[in-house]
Amino acid sequence: MGGGSWTRSAYDTYTKITKGMSAADYANARLSTQEVFKAHRLSDTLNPYNITRACHDSDEHPNTLPVILALDVTGSMGSAARTVNQKLNEIMTKIYENPDMPDVEFCVMGIGDLAWDDAPIQMSQFESDIRIAEQNDQIYFEAGGGGNHYESYTAAWYMGSRHCDLHCWGRGKKGIIITLGDELPNPYLPKESLNKVTGDHLQADVETPELYNEVIQKFNVYHIAVNDSNSSYRYYKEDGIDQKWEGLLGDNYSVETINSLPLRITQIIEENIGNNNIVNNNEISW
């Protein structure tokens, strides 16, 4: 996967066909989450069961940099997921029109709660052209989640570490995982639910500290907490959401508003150019 490159004109044509409006009009349209994410079930294209997602070098893209962008698709995160979808052209154009960028390829994920949701993990192919938008539009916004004060954010780490085949690893380079959410970091991934969703055969729950030490050998990981009037971020301030994420990720944790999300996503990728092979050995503090 991953042929071609993102262009403004291709995206403008895509939105005119699929949304009935230009890219500029779509970016600024006042739409509901349901109008943006129209899927009513898990798409076969995004089904994580027994899959491996590949990001391979090619003559067209000889220095691939894989980026997993994982959106929290539980109820309180509708505004953030909608903004990323509508501002996708802004994000991708800034990246792909930068001559200093390597061959960036995107995998989009939808993350819910493994303990509660029907489709807690959704994962696209790695792509570098308009198929990024096509697969983003197929995300099922389940609007679920549970009462456990966290979602299964580290499922993105798990899938990146154990269900990806990336050529950049052979070049001594790491990929990037960016998760977006508004709740506390999840302490573990439950084995029963994870086995059911992915087809794996785990014998024990996947503890977050151990998974972190595993995934940073292959990816630089980031989390963006979304501070929005519709999100749960402010509710979890008293529970120490910032301290817990900072203890886990250090400077790779940030808090953003809805409007600043696109800029922060592009900044993270730009910061990693030429420096994405350095392992983070910070101590984990819980």
Protein backbone atom coordinates (compact mmCIF):
# COMPACT_ATOMS: atom_id res chain seq x y z
CA MET A 1 0.00 0.00 0.00
CA GLY A 2 0.99 3.65 0.05
CA GLY A 3 1.34 4.63 -3.61
CA GLY A 4 0.75 8.17 -4.85
CA SER A 5 0.80 11.45 -2.95
CA TRP A 6 -1.79 13.75 -1.42
CA THR A 7 -2.73 16.80 -3.51
CA ARG A 8 -5.10 19.71 -2.93
CA SER A 9 -6.83 19.18 -6.26
CA ALA A 10 -7.45 15.47 -5.67
CA TYR A 11 -8.99 16.17 -2.26
CA ASP A 12 -11.13 18.98 -3.66
CA THR A 13 -12.47 16.60 -6.30
CA TYR A 14 -13.08 13.97 -3.62
CA THR A 15 -15.13 16.28 -1.38
CA LYS A 16 -17.19 17.54 -4.32
CA ILE A 17 -18.09 13.95 -5.19
CA THR A 18 -18.60 12.58 -1.67
CA LYS A 19 -19.72 15.67 0.30
CA GLY A 20 -21.32 17.77 -2.40
CA MET A 21 -19.07 20.75 -1.63
CA SER A 22 -15.55 22.02 -2.19
CA ALA A 23 -12.72 21.16 0.19
CA ALA A 24 -12.74 24.70 1.57
CA ASP A 25 -16.50 24.65 2.18
CA TYR A 26 -16.32 21.23 3.81
CA ALA A 27 -13.53 22.32 6.16
CA ASN A 28 -15.73 25.14 7.49
CA ALA A 29 -19.15 23.49 7.31
CA ARG A 30 -21.17 23.26 10.54
CA LEU A 31 -21.83 19.53 10.58
CA SER A 32 -22.77 17.06 13.27
CA THR A 33 -20.61 14.05 14.09
CA GLN A 34 -23.23 11.83 12.45
CA GLU A 35 -23.06 13.88 9.25
CA VAL A 36 -19.28 13.45 9.11
CA PHE A 37 -19.02 9.80 10.19
CA LYS A 38 -21.91 8.01 8.48
CA ALA A 39 -20.86 4.38 9.04
CA HIS A 40 -23.23 2.32 11.20
CA ARG A 41 -20.92 -0.63 11.78
CA LEU A 42 -17.29 -1.70 11.60
CA SER A 43 -16.02 -1.51 8.02
CA ASP A 44 -14.33 -4.59 6.58
CA THR A 45 -11.55 -2.25 5.46
CA LEU A 46 -10.82 -1.26 9.09
CA ASN A 47 -11.41 -4.62 10.76
CA PRO A 48 -8.35 -5.47 12.94
CA TYR A 49 -9.02 -9.23 13.07
CA ASN A 50 -5.96 -11.25 11.96
CA ILE A 51 -4.43 -8.34 10.03
CA THR A 52 -0.96 -6.93 9.49
CA ARG A 53 -0.67 -3.40 8.17
CA ALA A 54 2.35 -2.81 5.94
CA CYS A 55 4.33 0.34 5.22
CA HIS A 56 6.99 -0.65 2.72
CA ASP A 57 9.59 1.40 0.86
CA SER A 58 9.26 1.59 -2.92
CA ASP A 59 10.84 3.36 -5.88
CA GLU A 60 8.18 6.05 -5.50
CA HIS A 61 8.56 6.32 -1.71
CA PRO A 62 12.04 5.04 -0.74
CA ASN A 63 12.16 6.53 2.79
CA THR A 64 8.75 5.87 4.29
CA LEU A 65 7.82 7.38 7.65
CA PRO A 66 4.72 5.60 9.01
CA VAL A 67 2.35 7.64 11.16
CA ILE A 68 -0.54 6.08 13.08
CA LEU A 69 -3.17 8.68 13.96
CA ALA A 70 -5.61 7.17 16.46
CA LEU A 71 -8.88 8.97 17.21
CA ASP A 72 -10.96 8.37 20.32
CA VAL A 73 -14.39 7.51 18.87
CA THR A 74 -16.33 7.46 22.14
CA GLY A 75 -19.19 9.86 22.75
CA SER A 76 -17.40 12.80 24.33
CA MET A 77 -14.81 13.04 21.55
CA GLY A 78 -17.15 13.78 18.68
CA SER A 79 -15.93 17.36 18.22
CA ALA A 80 -12.27 16.35 18.02
CA ALA A 81 -12.79 13.47 15.58
CA ARG A 82 -15.01 15.68 13.45
CA THR A 83 -12.39 18.45 13.39
CA VAL A 84 -9.62 16.08 12.30
CA ASN A 85 -11.83 14.77 9.50
CA GLN A 86 -12.87 18.21 8.28
CA LYS A 87 -9.34 19.65 8.61
CA LEU A 88 -7.67 16.62 7.04
CA ASN A 89 -6.75 18.59 3.93
CA GLU A 90 -5.05 21.25 6.06
CA ILE A 91 -3.01 18.62 7.88
CA MET A 92 -2.06 16.55 4.84
CA THR A 93 -1.33 19.48 2.54
CA LYS A 94 1.05 21.04 5.06
CA ILE A 95 2.90 17.74 5.33
CA TYR A 96 2.98 16.64 1.71
CA GLU A 97 3.84 20.05 0.26
CA ASN A 98 6.87 20.36 2.56
CA PRO A 99 9.94 19.41 0.47
CA ASP A 100 11.87 18.50 3.63
CA MET A 101 9.39 15.80 4.63
CA PRO A 102 10.27 12.16 3.92
CA ASP A 103 7.71 9.80 2.44
CA VAL A 104 5.04 10.06 5.13
CA GLU A 105 2.34 7.40 5.11
CA PHE A 106 -0.72 7.56 7.34
CA CYS A 107 -2.72 4.86 9.07
CA VAL A 108 -5.91 6.12 10.73
CA MET A 109 -7.41 4.31 13.69
CA GLY A 110 -10.60 4.54 15.69
CA ILE A 111 -10.16 3.65 19.36
CA GLY A 112 -12.96 2.92 21.81
CA ASP A 113 -13.16 0.86 25.00
CA LEU A 114 -12.29 -2.84 24.83
CA ALA A 115 -14.38 -3.49 27.94
CA TRP A 116 -17.58 -2.02 26.53
CA ASP A 117 -17.65 -1.34 22.79
CA ASP A 118 -18.52 -3.51 19.79
CA ALA A 119 -15.77 -2.02 17.61
CA PRO A 120 -13.07 -0.77 20.00
CA ILE A 121 -10.25 -1.03 17.45
CA GLN A 122 -10.44 0.12 13.83
CA MET A 123 -7.29 0.28 11.71
CA SER A 124 -6.73 1.38 8.13
CA GLN A 125 -3.95 0.57 5.70
CA PHE A 126 -0.95 2.90 5.47
CA GLU A 127 -1.60 5.34 2.62
CA SER A 128 -0.05 8.50 1.18
CA ASP A 129 -2.78 9.81 -1.12
CA ILE A 130 -6.54 10.45 -1.18
CA ARG A 131 -7.15 6.99 0.25
CA ILE A 132 -6.30 8.51 3.64
CA ALA A 133 -9.53 10.49 3.39
CA GLU A 134 -11.48 7.54 2.01
CA GLN A 135 -10.53 5.35 4.96
CA ASN A 136 -10.99 8.12 7.51
CA ASP A 137 -14.55 8.51 6.25
CA GLN A 138 -15.19 4.81 6.88
CA ILE A 139 -14.52 5.09 10.62
CA TYR A 140 -17.49 3.93 12.66
CA PHE A 141 -18.08 6.57 15.36
CA GLU A 142 -19.63 4.20 17.86
CA ALA A 143 -19.99 6.93 20.53
CA GLY A 144 -19.61 4.31 23.23
CA GLY A 145 -17.14 4.03 26.08
CA GLY A 146 -17.82 2.98 29.65
CA GLY A 147 -17.67 4.13 33.23
CA ASN A 148 -14.08 3.10 33.92
CA HIS A 149 -12.60 6.63 33.44
CA TYR A 150 -10.38 5.66 30.50
CA GLU A 151 -10.58 4.36 26.95
CA SER A 152 -8.29 1.74 25.35
CA TYR A 153 -5.79 4.27 24.03
CA THR A 154 -2.83 1.89 24.17
CA ALA A 155 -4.55 -0.44 21.72
CA ALA A 156 -2.92 1.82 19.11
CA TRP A 157 0.47 0.95 20.63
CA TYR A 158 -0.41 -2.73 20.63
CA MET A 159 -1.48 -2.78 17.00
CA GLY A 160 1.53 -0.72 15.94
CA SER A 161 3.99 -2.95 17.73
CA ARG A 162 2.48 -6.35 16.97
CA HIS A 163 0.37 -5.94 13.84
CA CYS A 164 2.57 -3.83 11.57
CA ASP A 165 5.33 -4.62 9.07
CA LEU A 166 7.38 -1.45 8.52
CA HIS A 167 10.46 -1.10 6.33
CA CYS A 168 11.65 1.91 8.32
CA TRP A 169 12.63 -0.45 11.16
CA GLY A 170 15.18 -2.06 8.84
CA ARG A 171 16.69 1.38 8.25
CA GLY A 172 17.04 2.01 11.99
CA LYS A 173 14.12 4.45 12.00
CA LYS A 174 10.97 4.48 14.09
CA GLY A 175 7.39 5.29 13.20
CA ILE A 176 5.10 7.70 15.02
CA ILE A 177 1.91 6.97 16.96
CA ILE A 178 -0.36 9.88 17.93
CA THR A 179 -3.43 9.20 20.06
CA LEU A 180 -6.15 11.75 20.76
CA GLY A 181 -8.45 11.54 23.76
CA ASP A 182 -9.93 13.18 26.82
CA GLU A 183 -9.61 10.61 29.59
CA LEU A 184 -6.94 9.04 31.83
CA PRO A 185 -4.38 6.57 30.46
CA ASN A 186 -5.69 3.01 30.59
CA PRO A 187 -3.71 0.77 32.99
CA TYR A 188 -4.00 -2.36 30.83
CA LEU A 189 -5.68 -4.00 27.83
CA PRO A 190 -7.92 -6.97 28.79
CA LYS A 191 -6.78 -10.19 27.15
CA GLU A 192 -10.23 -11.66 26.47
CA SER A 193 -11.51 -8.64 24.59
CA LEU A 194 -8.21 -8.11 22.79
CA ASN A 195 -8.14 -11.74 21.62
CA LYS A 196 -11.73 -11.49 20.39
CA VAL A 197 -11.11 -8.30 18.44
CA THR A 198 -7.67 -9.08 16.97
CA GLY A 199 -7.62 -12.88 16.70
CA ASP A 200 -4.55 -13.07 18.93
CA HIS A 201 -4.06 -15.67 21.67
CA LEU A 202 -2.88 -13.78 24.72
CA GLN A 203 -2.57 -15.58 28.03
CA ALA A 204 -2.52 -12.44 30.18
CA ASP A 205 -3.70 -8.84 30.16
CA VAL A 206 -1.32 -6.38 28.48
CA GLU A 207 -0.09 -3.97 31.14
CA THR A 208 0.53 -0.42 29.96
CA PRO A 209 4.05 0.09 31.42
CA GLU A 210 5.29 -3.13 29.78
CA LEU A 211 3.61 -2.27 26.48
CA TYR A 212 5.16 1.21 26.58
CA ASN A 213 8.65 -0.25 26.94
CA GLU A 214 7.90 -2.52 23.99
CA VAL A 215 6.38 0.02 21.64
CA ILE A 216 9.08 2.70 22.06
CA GLN A 217 11.54 0.33 20.45
CA LYS A 218 9.57 0.77 17.22
CA PHE A 219 7.64 4.05 17.54
CA ASN A 220 7.82 7.47 19.10
CA VAL A 221 4.49 7.73 20.91
CA TYR A 222 2.46 10.87 21.65
CA HIS A 223 -0.87 11.61 23.27
CA ILE A 224 -2.92 14.77 22.81
CA ALA A 225 -5.57 15.52 25.42
CA VAL A 226 -8.41 17.48 23.87
CA ASN A 227 -9.63 20.39 25.99
CA ASP A 228 -13.04 21.16 24.55
CA SER A 229 -16.36 22.17 26.04
CA ASN A 230 -17.84 18.87 24.86
CA SER A 231 -14.96 16.66 25.98
CA SER A 232 -14.36 15.09 29.39
CA TYR A 233 -10.88 16.59 29.84
CA ARG A 234 -11.89 19.21 32.41
CA TYR A 235 -13.79 16.60 34.41
CA TYR A 236 -10.58 14.54 34.77
CA LYS A 237 -8.38 17.48 35.77
CA GLU A 238 -9.10 16.78 39.43
CA ASP A 239 -8.16 13.12 38.90
CA GLY A 240 -4.71 14.15 37.69
CA ILE A 241 -5.08 13.47 33.97
CA ASP A 242 -2.13 15.73 33.11
CA GLN A 243 0.17 14.30 35.77
CA LYS A 244 -0.59 10.70 34.80
CA TRP A 245 -0.06 11.23 31.08
CA GLU A 246 3.09 13.30 31.71
CA GLY A 247 4.41 10.58 34.01
CA LEU A 248 3.97 8.11 31.18
CA LEU A 249 5.02 10.16 28.14
CA GLY A 250 6.85 13.22 29.47
CA ASP A 251 7.07 15.97 26.84
CA ASN A 252 5.30 13.73 24.34
CA TYR A 253 2.04 14.61 26.07
CA SER A 254 0.26 17.86 25.29
CA VAL A 255 -3.12 19.51 25.78
CA GLU A 256 -4.77 21.16 22.78
CA THR A 257 -8.00 22.87 21.89
CA ILE A 258 -10.12 21.78 18.95
CA ASN A 259 -8.73 24.58 16.81
CA SER A 260 -5.08 23.86 17.63
CA LEU A 261 -5.28 20.11 16.90
CA PRO A 262 -4.30 20.24 13.19
CA LEU A 263 -1.23 22.39 13.91
CA ARG A 264 -0.07 20.16 16.78
CA ILE A 265 -0.38 17.00 14.66
CA THR A 266 1.77 18.50 11.90
CA GLN A 267 4.27 19.83 14.46
CA ILE A 268 4.78 16.37 15.92
CA ILE A 269 5.61 14.93 12.53
CA GLU A 270 7.93 17.80 11.66
CA GLU A 271 9.73 17.43 15.01
CA ASN A 272 10.45 13.79 14.24
CA ILE A 273 12.08 14.37 10.87
CA GLY A 274 15.72 13.32 11.09
CA ASN A 275 15.31 12.43 14.77
CA ASN A 276 12.80 9.58 14.78
CA ASN A 277 15.25 6.80 15.61
CA ILE A 278 16.08 7.87 19.17
CA VAL A 279 14.70 5.57 21.83
CA ASN A 280 13.02 7.27 24.78
CA ASN A 281 14.25 5.61 27.98
CA ASN A 282 12.43 7.87 30.44
CA GLU A 283 11.31 6.23 33.65
CA ILE A 284 7.60 5.50 33.80
CA SER A 285 5.81 7.08 36.73
CA TRP A 286 2.30 5.93 37.71
